[in-house]
Amino acid sequence: MSQLTVTLALPEPFVVLCRADNVEPGTVLCGFVADLCSITDAEAGFVCNGARATDLARWYYAQVGYVWWPR
């Protein structure tokens, strides 16, 4: 699987939320990407969290409407 590396400054509320749940922010982001794309590649850090999580991630992505955002 090819990958693109992204450097991202995370907003404090997201970091606080992750810390409160004792989870690394990268784990949350990789989990969302894995759910959105139905990826399971544990070595790369992407593990899909099941069919329901995939449905919800895809629903969120569709609701935001990234496909229609200006380029």
Protein backbone atom coordinates (compact mmCIF):
# COMPACT_ATOMS: atom_id res chain seq x y z
CA MET A 1 0.00 0.00 0.00
CA SER A 2 1.45 3.37 -0.95
CA GLN A 3 1.28 6.11 1.63
CA LEU A 4 1.42 9.89 1.74
CA THR A 5 2.96 11.41 4.87
CA VAL A 6 1.19 14.50 6.23
CA THR A 7 2.34 16.86 8.97
CA LEU A 8 -0.62 18.33 10.80
CA ALA A 9 -0.90 20.73 13.73
CA LEU A 10 -3.67 19.31 15.91
CA PRO A 11 -6.06 21.66 17.72
CA GLU A 12 -5.91 21.55 21.50
CA PRO A 13 -9.54 20.36 21.97
CA PHE A 14 -8.77 17.25 19.89
CA VAL A 15 -5.59 16.56 21.85
CA VAL A 16 -7.43 17.03 25.16
CA LEU A 17 -10.18 14.65 24.04
CA CYS A 18 -7.65 12.00 23.06
CA ARG A 19 -5.71 12.40 26.31
CA ALA A 20 -8.92 12.11 28.31
CA ASP A 21 -9.57 8.78 26.59
CA ASN A 22 -5.90 7.75 26.99
CA VAL A 23 -5.41 7.29 23.25
CA GLU A 24 -2.82 8.78 20.92
CA PRO A 25 -4.23 11.31 18.41
CA GLY A 26 -2.49 9.42 15.59
CA THR A 27 -4.33 6.26 16.58
CA VAL A 28 -7.67 8.07 16.28
CA LEU A 29 -6.79 9.58 12.91
CA CYS A 30 -5.43 6.31 11.50
CA GLY A 31 -8.52 4.52 12.81
CA PHE A 32 -10.83 6.96 11.03
CA VAL A 33 -8.93 6.58 7.76
CA ALA A 34 -8.99 2.79 8.12
CA ASP A 35 -12.74 2.83 8.79
CA LEU A 36 -13.45 5.22 5.92
CA CYS A 37 -11.53 3.08 3.43
CA SER A 38 -12.05 -0.37 5.01
CA ILE A 39 -8.31 -0.80 5.45
CA THR A 40 -6.69 -3.39 7.66
CA ASP A 41 -2.93 -3.06 7.57
CA ALA A 42 -1.78 -3.38 11.17
CA GLU A 43 1.90 -3.02 10.24
CA ALA A 44 1.15 0.41 8.77
CA GLY A 45 -1.05 1.36 11.76
CA PHE A 46 -4.39 1.14 9.98
CA VAL A 47 -6.98 -1.17 11.50
CA CYS A 48 -10.65 -1.03 10.53
CA ASN A 49 -12.95 -1.08 13.57
CA GLY A 50 -15.76 -3.05 11.96
CA ALA A 51 -18.72 -2.61 9.64
CA ARG A 52 -20.60 -0.13 11.84
CA ALA A 53 -17.54 2.12 12.21
CA THR A 54 -17.02 1.97 8.44
CA ASP A 55 -20.64 2.95 7.81
CA LEU A 56 -20.40 5.89 10.23
CA ALA A 57 -17.08 7.12 8.81
CA ARG A 58 -18.48 6.99 5.27
CA TRP A 59 -21.68 8.74 6.40
CA TYR A 60 -19.64 11.54 8.00
CA TYR A 61 -17.46 11.93 4.91
CA ALA A 62 -20.55 12.14 2.66
CA GLN A 63 -22.29 14.63 4.98
CA VAL A 64 -19.32 17.00 4.94
CA GLY A 65 -19.35 16.91 1.14
CA TYR A 66 -15.60 16.96 0.46
CA VAL A 67 -16.30 15.89 -3.13
CA TRP A 68 -17.94 19.31 -3.74
CA TRP A 69 -15.34 21.47 -2.00
CA PRO A 70 -13.61 23.98 -4.27
CA ARG A 71 -10.21 22.88 -5.46
